[in-house]
């Protein structure tokens, strides 16, 4: 990374949203914040107990393991086998991460050179493009097909020739799009044909509803030759503040990431890894009530938005609704109208790239009754939208 690559990155939209929110709070306004997807549920008791034991253990005084705590990789390997039927070598095919965001950034930084191309969905979690720019590489945005799959045929041959990495995110943030295991197989085949490292960001692996079960790219036979996948405890386990995740898959990519990380840090906090160990060990007990709460919230919000005249369907996965900005507003104008009027905080679509312009994201991070109130307020402002 150079100062030139850092200066090439545009201002972070979430900083601007935070500044606008803080101005309203400083003026004494009460807000309903459904902007940032930050879980509001409690950390599971079994995880808290594990952290308390770890904090009292004298071993915590020392540095953590470089790659991962053996207990953590054992728990993760067991989880991947139980949940997805995927068998992993805990030593060579797993690495602990301090959150999947940092892990994805480090994967890009460790696998690209200046001038290389990284294929990024046209609506994307910001780190995909920002880490690419920090590396001096070039993000090339891949459009979506109407069903939410990537239109791989739209990638220009010249860009493909320079591409080194392709990132996919299903279930999608913010789009909520989902795909099948067969769709993953097509992505693996594409990556193999073009010599790409395929990075699957599986941040919402457990947050699915109505019988849909989120697949893993590593379930595709041979995927570990070309793919790695990041998983996190942040959303599915209410542990965003703990900062614990992992990356699994292609052993050469894991080794290269480990070599990169060993030069800039000293592993992931032992406390966080033992918290993650408890989470993945007890996932079958922890996850269902968390998913049930999100389902209740989703259903309440969707019903309230539909009652307000919005054409919205309940997403099969994630913790978001992805909605069109009403006519008469641009992205920031809509955000300000909601902030300055009823005091509802939403995220503008432009935060997720130019292709997100004209939409906004609502997060299921409030109780159902509060989400219903927020929906009514959003609908009232939309009904009074200025004439375009």
Protein backbone atom coordinates (compact mmCIF):
# COMPACT_ATOMS: atom_id res chain seq x y z
CA UNK A 1 0.00 0.00 0.00
CA UNK A 2 1.16 3.54 -0.75
CA UNK A 3 -0.10 7.00 0.13
CA UNK A 4 -1.27 7.24 -3.46
CA UNK A 5 -3.45 4.14 -3.13
CA UNK A 6 -4.86 5.40 0.17
CA UNK A 7 -5.69 8.79 -1.32
CA UNK A 8 -7.46 7.07 -4.23
CA UNK A 9 -10.14 5.71 -1.91
CA UNK A 10 -13.27 7.89 -1.64
CA UNK A 11 -14.58 8.93 1.79
CA UNK A 12 -16.20 6.10 3.73
CA UNK A 13 -19.98 6.49 3.50
CA UNK A 14 -20.53 4.96 6.93
CA UNK A 15 -18.41 7.71 8.49
CA UNK A 16 -20.67 10.30 6.89
CA UNK A 17 -23.78 8.45 8.06
CA UNK A 18 -22.34 8.32 11.58
CA UNK A 19 -21.65 12.07 11.50
CA UNK A 20 -25.21 12.87 10.44
CA UNK A 21 -26.61 10.58 13.10
CA UNK A 22 -24.42 12.15 15.78
CA UNK A 23 -25.53 15.66 14.80
CA UNK A 24 -29.15 14.68 15.35
CA UNK A 25 -28.38 13.09 18.70
CA UNK A 26 -26.37 16.13 19.79
CA UNK A 27 -29.44 18.22 19.04
CA UNK A 28 -31.44 16.02 21.42
CA UNK A 29 -33.30 13.96 18.85
CA UNK A 30 -34.35 10.40 19.71
CA UNK A 31 -33.49 8.01 16.88
CA UNK A 32 -34.59 4.57 15.71
CA UNK A 33 -31.35 3.21 14.28
CA UNK A 34 -31.84 0.53 11.63
CA UNK A 35 -28.81 1.62 9.61
CA UNK A 36 -25.78 -0.40 10.65
CA UNK A 37 -26.20 -4.18 10.79
CA UNK A 38 -24.86 -4.43 14.34
CA UNK A 39 -26.55 -7.22 16.34
CA UNK A 40 -28.45 -6.11 19.44
CA UNK A 41 -29.11 -9.57 20.93
CA UNK A 42 -27.13 -10.97 23.88
CA UNK A 43 -23.94 -12.97 23.53
CA UNK A 44 -24.91 -16.60 24.31
CA UNK A 45 -24.42 -17.62 27.95
CA UNK A 46 -22.14 -20.53 27.06
CA UNK A 47 -19.85 -18.10 25.22
CA UNK A 48 -19.80 -15.64 28.12
CA UNK A 49 -18.87 -18.47 30.47
CA UNK A 50 -16.03 -19.52 28.15
CA UNK A 51 -14.70 -15.93 28.05
CA UNK A 52 -14.86 -15.68 31.83
CA UNK A 53 -12.83 -18.88 32.20
CA UNK A 54 -10.33 -17.71 29.61
CA UNK A 55 -9.94 -14.31 31.26
CA UNK A 56 -9.10 -15.98 34.57
CA UNK A 57 -6.52 -18.31 32.98
CA UNK A 58 -2.90 -17.25 33.49
CA UNK A 59 -2.15 -18.48 29.95
CA UNK A 60 -3.95 -15.43 28.58
CA UNK A 61 -0.95 -13.35 29.63
CA UNK A 62 1.06 -14.78 26.75
CA UNK A 63 0.81 -14.18 23.02
CA UNK A 64 -1.78 -16.13 21.03
CA UNK A 65 -1.03 -18.87 18.53
CA UNK A 66 0.11 -17.51 15.16
CA UNK A 67 -2.37 -19.45 13.03
CA UNK A 68 -5.09 -20.49 15.46
CA UNK A 69 -5.65 -22.05 18.86
CA UNK A 70 -5.91 -25.86 18.44
CA UNK A 71 -9.21 -25.90 20.34
CA UNK A 72 -10.62 -23.31 17.94
CA UNK A 73 -9.62 -25.15 14.76
CA UNK A 74 -10.98 -28.41 16.20
CA UNK A 75 -14.33 -26.76 16.95
CA UNK A 76 -14.45 -25.10 13.54
CA UNK A 77 -13.59 -28.33 11.72
CA UNK A 78 -16.33 -30.16 13.63
CA UNK A 79 -18.81 -27.37 12.81
CA UNK A 80 -18.00 -27.45 9.09
CA UNK A 81 -18.43 -31.23 9.04
CA UNK A 82 -21.70 -31.17 10.97
CA UNK A 83 -23.22 -28.19 9.20
CA UNK A 84 -22.00 -28.61 5.62
CA UNK A 85 -20.51 -32.09 5.41
CA UNK A 86 -17.14 -30.50 4.60
CA UNK A 87 -13.98 -32.19 5.87
CA UNK A 88 -11.06 -29.86 6.55
CA UNK A 89 -7.47 -30.31 7.65
CA UNK A 90 -7.38 -28.12 10.81
CA UNK A 91 -3.68 -27.42 10.37
CA UNK A 92 -3.46 -26.59 6.66
CA UNK A 93 -6.98 -25.53 5.64
CA UNK A 94 -8.09 -23.27 8.49
CA UNK A 95 -6.92 -19.94 9.87
CA UNK A 96 -8.37 -17.79 12.66
CA UNK A 97 -9.35 -14.22 11.76
CA UNK A 98 -10.10 -11.13 13.84
CA UNK A 99 -13.38 -10.71 11.95
CA UNK A 100 -14.03 -11.64 8.34
CA UNK A 101 -13.71 -8.01 7.13
CA UNK A 102 -10.02 -7.89 8.04
CA UNK A 103 -9.54 -11.40 6.70
CA UNK A 104 -10.99 -10.52 3.31
CA UNK A 105 -8.84 -7.40 3.11
CA UNK A 106 -5.74 -9.42 3.96
CA UNK A 107 -6.61 -12.09 1.41
CA UNK A 108 -6.78 -9.42 -1.28
CA UNK A 109 -3.57 -7.72 -0.12
CA UNK A 110 -1.69 -11.02 0.00
CA UNK A 111 -2.86 -12.26 -3.41
CA UNK A 112 -2.66 -9.23 -5.70
CA UNK A 113 -0.07 -6.90 -7.13
CA UNK A 114 -0.54 -3.35 -8.42
CA UNK A 115 -2.43 -3.44 -11.71
CA UNK A 116 -4.08 -6.82 -11.08
CA UNK A 117 -7.86 -7.06 -11.35
CA UNK A 118 -10.23 -8.18 -8.60
CA UNK A 119 -13.74 -9.14 -9.72
CA UNK A 120 -16.28 -7.65 -7.32
CA UNK A 121 -20.10 -7.82 -7.35
CA UNK A 122 -21.51 -4.50 -8.59
CA UNK A 123 -23.36 -4.05 -5.27
CA UNK A 124 -20.85 -4.98 -2.61
CA UNK A 125 -19.69 -4.83 0.97
CA UNK A 126 -17.25 -1.88 0.92
CA UNK A 127 -14.06 -3.72 1.94
CA UNK A 128 -14.06 -5.69 -1.32
CA UNK A 129 -13.28 -2.62 -3.40
CA UNK A 130 -11.43 -0.63 -0.76
CA UNK A 131 -8.88 -3.34 0.01
CA UNK A 132 -8.40 -3.82 -3.73
CA UNK A 133 -7.57 -0.14 -4.12
CA UNK A 134 -5.25 -0.26 -1.11
CA UNK A 135 -3.36 -3.04 -2.87
CA UNK A 136 -3.00 -0.87 -5.96
CA UNK A 137 -5.16 -3.36 -7.83
CA UNK A 138 -8.25 -2.57 -9.90
CA UNK A 139 -11.80 -3.52 -8.87
CA UNK A 140 -13.90 -4.59 -11.85
CA UNK A 141 -17.59 -4.68 -11.00
CA UNK A 142 -19.60 -7.67 -12.18
CA UNK A 143 -23.31 -7.00 -12.81
CA UNK A 144 -26.10 -9.15 -11.44
CA UNK A 145 -28.58 -11.17 -13.43
CA UNK A 146 -32.27 -10.64 -12.51
CA UNK A 147 -32.19 -13.69 -10.22
CA UNK A 148 -29.24 -12.35 -8.20
CA UNK A 149 -26.50 -14.49 -9.76
CA UNK A 150 -23.43 -12.79 -11.19
CA UNK A 151 -23.40 -12.18 -14.94
CA UNK A 152 -19.96 -13.67 -15.56
CA UNK A 153 -20.37 -13.37 -19.31
CA UNK A 154 -20.33 -9.60 -18.89
CA UNK A 155 -16.69 -9.55 -17.75
CA UNK A 156 -14.49 -8.25 -20.55
CA UNK A 157 -11.77 -10.66 -21.77
CA UNK A 158 -9.09 -8.05 -21.12
CA UNK A 159 -10.19 -7.77 -17.50
CA UNK A 160 -10.33 -11.53 -17.11
CA UNK A 161 -6.77 -11.82 -18.39
CA UNK A 162 -5.57 -9.57 -15.53
CA UNK A 163 -7.89 -10.95 -12.85
CA UNK A 164 -6.40 -12.76 -9.87
CA UNK A 165 -9.27 -12.82 -7.38
CA UNK A 166 -13.07 -13.04 -7.56
CA UNK A 167 -15.27 -12.27 -4.54
CA UNK A 168 -18.80 -13.55 -4.04
CA UNK A 169 -21.21 -12.89 -1.18
CA UNK A 170 -24.26 -15.10 -0.75
CA UNK A 171 -26.55 -14.52 1.05
CA UNK A 172 -25.82 -11.00 -0.07
CA UNK A 173 -25.31 -7.86 1.96
CA UNK A 174 -27.21 -5.67 1.19
CA UNK A 175 -29.09 -7.38 -1.65
CA UNK A 176 -30.25 -10.46 0.38
CA UNK A 177 -29.76 -12.55 -2.80
CA UNK A 178 -29.27 -16.29 -2.40
CA UNK A 179 -27.91 -19.01 -4.68
CA UNK A 180 -27.89 -22.80 -4.84
CA UNK A 181 -25.04 -25.27 -4.54
CA UNK A 182 -25.30 -25.75 -8.32
CA UNK A 183 -24.71 -22.02 -8.75
CA UNK A 184 -21.63 -22.29 -6.55
CA UNK A 185 -20.39 -25.12 -8.75
CA UNK A 186 -20.56 -22.80 -11.76
CA UNK A 187 -18.55 -20.16 -9.88
CA UNK A 188 -15.92 -22.75 -8.95
CA UNK A 189 -15.69 -23.88 -12.58
CA UNK A 190 -15.31 -20.27 -13.75
CA UNK A 191 -12.56 -19.60 -11.20
CA UNK A 192 -10.72 -22.77 -12.21
CA UNK A 193 -10.88 -21.97 -15.93
CA UNK A 194 -9.48 -18.49 -15.41
CA UNK A 195 -6.93 -19.15 -12.67
CA UNK A 196 -8.74 -17.11 -10.01
CA UNK A 197 -8.76 -17.34 -6.26
CA UNK A 198 -12.46 -17.49 -5.41
CA UNK A 199 -13.29 -15.81 -2.07
CA UNK A 200 -16.72 -16.64 -0.67
CA UNK A 201 -17.84 -14.24 2.07
CA UNK A 202 -20.34 -16.33 4.06
CA UNK A 203 -21.18 -13.85 6.82
CA UNK A 204 -24.83 -14.95 7.06
CA UNK A 205 -24.43 -18.72 6.96
CA UNK A 206 -27.05 -19.37 9.65
CA UNK A 207 -29.50 -16.49 9.13
CA UNK A 208 -31.92 -18.16 6.74
CA UNK A 209 -35.66 -18.72 6.87
CA UNK A 210 -38.62 -20.64 5.47
CA UNK A 211 -36.73 -23.89 4.93
CA UNK A 212 -33.81 -22.39 2.99
CA UNK A 213 -30.43 -23.70 4.15
CA UNK A 214 -27.42 -21.64 3.14
CA UNK A 215 -24.82 -23.75 1.27
CA UNK A 216 -21.04 -23.45 1.43
CA UNK A 217 -18.90 -23.19 -1.68
CA UNK A 218 -16.65 -25.82 -0.10
CA UNK A 219 -19.44 -28.38 -0.54
CA UNK A 220 -18.68 -28.31 -4.29
CA UNK A 221 -16.36 -31.24 -5.17
CA UNK A 222 -12.88 -29.88 -5.86
CA UNK A 223 -13.70 -26.37 -4.62
CA UNK A 224 -10.74 -26.35 -2.24
CA UNK A 225 -8.43 -26.27 -5.27
CA UNK A 226 -9.54 -22.71 -6.05
CA UNK A 227 -11.73 -21.37 -3.21
CA UNK A 228 -11.53 -20.08 0.32
CA UNK A 229 -14.49 -19.10 2.45
CA UNK A 230 -14.78 -16.74 5.41
CA UNK A 231 -17.19 -17.39 8.27
CA UNK A 232 -17.85 -15.15 11.25
CA UNK A 233 -19.46 -15.31 14.67
CA UNK A 234 -20.63 -11.70 14.36
CA UNK A 235 -24.15 -12.08 12.99
CA UNK A 236 -25.25 -15.69 13.59
CA UNK A 237 -23.98 -15.75 17.19
CA UNK A 238 -24.49 -12.09 18.29
CA UNK A 239 -20.72 -11.70 18.72
CA UNK A 240 -19.78 -8.75 16.48
CA UNK A 241 -17.87 -7.07 19.32
CA UNK A 242 -15.75 -10.15 20.01
CA UNK A 243 -14.11 -10.06 16.54
CA UNK A 244 -13.67 -13.72 15.76
CA UNK A 245 -13.97 -15.48 12.41
CA UNK A 246 -12.13 -18.00 10.27
CA UNK A 247 -11.13 -18.69 6.70
CA UNK A 248 -11.20 -22.22 5.27
CA UNK A 249 -10.32 -23.86 2.00
CA UNK A 250 -7.44 -23.77 -0.47
CA UNK A 251 -4.35 -24.62 1.55
CA UNK A 252 -1.95 -22.64 -0.66
CA UNK A 253 -4.06 -19.51 -0.17
CA UNK A 254 -4.26 -20.14 3.58
CA UNK A 255 -0.46 -20.47 3.73
CA UNK A 256 0.04 -17.28 1.74
CA UNK A 257 -2.38 -15.39 3.97
CA UNK A 258 -0.65 -16.75 7.06
CA UNK A 259 2.74 -15.60 5.73
CA UNK A 260 1.34 -12.12 5.11
CA UNK A 261 -0.30 -11.88 8.53
CA UNK A 262 2.77 -13.09 10.41
CA UNK A 263 4.64 -10.02 9.14
CA UNK A 264 2.11 -7.49 10.43
CA UNK A 265 0.55 -9.05 13.55
CA UNK A 266 0.68 -11.80 16.12
CA UNK A 267 -2.40 -13.92 15.70
CA UNK A 268 -5.96 -13.49 16.94
CA UNK A 269 -6.77 -12.86 20.60
CA UNK A 270 -6.84 -16.10 22.59
CA UNK A 271 -9.91 -14.83 24.46
CA UNK A 272 -11.76 -14.32 21.19
CA UNK A 273 -10.71 -17.73 19.86
CA UNK A 274 -11.95 -19.52 22.97
CA UNK A 275 -15.21 -17.60 22.72
CA UNK A 276 -15.48 -18.78 19.12
CA UNK A 277 -14.67 -22.31 20.22
CA UNK A 278 -17.68 -22.28 22.53
CA UNK A 279 -19.91 -20.78 19.85
CA UNK A 280 -19.09 -23.32 17.15
CA UNK A 281 -19.12 -26.23 19.61
CA UNK A 282 -22.65 -25.34 20.72
CA UNK A 283 -23.98 -24.00 17.40
CA UNK A 284 -26.92 -26.41 17.31
CA UNK A 285 -28.27 -24.93 20.56
CA UNK A 286 -27.25 -21.32 20.03
CA UNK A 287 -28.38 -20.61 16.48
CA UNK A 288 -32.10 -21.60 16.39
CA UNK A 289 -33.38 -18.99 18.91
CA UNK A 290 -31.32 -16.26 17.26
CA UNK A 291 -32.75 -17.17 13.86
CA UNK A 292 -36.26 -17.33 15.33
CA UNK A 293 -35.92 -13.78 16.66
CA UNK A 294 -34.73 -12.48 13.31
CA UNK A 295 -37.60 -14.30 11.59
CA UNK A 296 -40.09 -12.59 13.91
CA UNK A 297 -38.51 -9.22 13.18
CA UNK A 298 -38.40 -9.86 9.44
CA UNK A 299 -42.05 -10.85 9.34
CA UNK A 300 -43.12 -7.81 11.38
CA UNK A 301 -41.13 -5.38 9.26
CA UNK A 302 -42.24 -6.87 5.94
CA UNK A 303 -45.90 -6.83 7.01
CA UNK A 304 -45.64 -3.22 8.17
CA UNK A 305 -43.92 -2.11 4.97
CA UNK A 306 -46.53 -3.89 2.85
CA UNK A 307 -49.27 -2.20 4.87
CA UNK A 308 -47.58 1.10 4.04
CA UNK A 309 -47.83 0.39 0.32
CA UNK A 310 -44.36 -1.00 -0.35
CA UNK A 311 -43.92 -3.83 -2.83
CA UNK A 312 -41.58 -5.96 -0.73
CA UNK A 313 -41.15 -9.69 -0.31
CA UNK A 314 -39.69 -11.42 2.73
CA UNK A 315 -36.03 -12.31 2.04
CA UNK A 316 -34.93 -15.91 2.50
CA UNK A 317 -31.78 -14.90 4.37
CA UNK A 318 -29.73 -12.15 6.05
CA UNK A 319 -30.92 -9.46 8.46
CA UNK A 320 -31.89 -6.76 5.95
CA UNK A 321 -34.48 -5.34 3.61
CA UNK A 322 -33.14 -3.74 0.40
CA UNK A 323 -35.64 -1.17 -0.80
CA UNK A 324 -36.01 1.48 -3.52
CA UNK A 325 -35.65 5.14 -2.58
CA UNK A 326 -38.99 6.88 -3.24
CA UNK A 327 -39.25 9.11 -6.30
CA UNK A 328 -38.34 12.70 -5.53
CA UNK A 329 -35.31 11.88 -3.38
CA UNK A 330 -31.69 11.04 -3.99
CA UNK A 331 -29.88 8.70 -1.59
CA UNK A 332 -28.69 11.28 0.94
CA UNK A 333 -31.84 13.36 0.61
CA UNK A 334 -33.87 10.32 1.64
CA UNK A 335 -31.53 9.56 4.56
CA UNK A 336 -31.82 13.17 5.75
CA UNK A 337 -35.61 13.24 5.37
CA UNK A 338 -35.89 10.23 7.66
CA UNK A 339 -33.30 11.51 10.13
CA UNK A 340 -34.64 15.03 10.38
CA UNK A 341 -38.29 13.97 10.32
CA UNK A 342 -39.23 10.85 12.33
CA UNK A 343 -35.63 10.16 13.36
CA UNK A 344 -35.16 6.84 11.55
CA UNK A 345 -31.61 5.92 10.53
CA UNK A 346 -31.19 3.89 7.32
CA UNK A 347 -28.15 3.18 5.15
CA UNK A 348 -28.04 4.77 1.67
CA UNK A 349 -27.52 2.37 -1.21
CA UNK A 350 -24.55 4.37 -2.45
CA UNK A 351 -22.61 2.93 0.52
CA UNK A 352 -22.50 -0.32 -1.45
CA UNK A 353 -21.23 1.07 -4.74
CA UNK A 354 -22.59 3.13 -7.59
CA UNK A 355 -24.94 0.31 -8.61
CA UNK A 356 -26.59 0.60 -5.18
CA UNK A 357 -27.62 4.19 -5.85
CA UNK A 358 -31.38 4.67 -5.63
CA UNK A 359 -31.89 2.08 -2.89
CA UNK A 360 -31.55 1.92 0.89
CA UNK A 361 -30.98 -0.79 3.49
CA UNK A 362 -32.97 -1.42 6.65
CA UNK A 363 -31.41 -3.70 9.29
CA UNK A 364 -33.34 -5.99 11.62
CA UNK A 365 -31.47 -4.69 14.67
CA UNK A 366 -34.48 -3.51 16.70
CA UNK A 367 -37.31 -5.45 18.35
CA UNK A 368 -40.35 -6.21 16.19
CA UNK A 369 -42.51 -3.46 17.69
CA UNK A 370 -39.81 -0.85 17.08
CA UNK A 371 -39.36 -2.04 13.50
CA UNK A 372 -43.12 -1.71 12.98
CA UNK A 373 -42.94 1.88 14.25
CA UNK A 374 -39.99 2.58 11.97
CA UNK A 375 -41.86 1.15 8.97
CA UNK A 376 -44.86 3.38 9.62
CA UNK A 377 -42.57 6.43 9.84
CA UNK A 378 -40.73 5.50 6.65
CA UNK A 379 -44.02 5.00 4.82
CA UNK A 380 -45.38 8.35 6.01
CA UNK A 381 -42.33 10.23 4.72
CA UNK A 382 -42.49 8.31 1.43
CA UNK A 383 -46.15 9.26 1.00
CA UNK A 384 -45.21 12.92 1.36
CA UNK A 385 -42.29 12.69 -1.09
CA UNK A 386 -41.72 15.82 -3.22
CA UNK A 387 -42.75 15.69 -6.86
CA UNK A 388 -39.73 14.63 -8.93
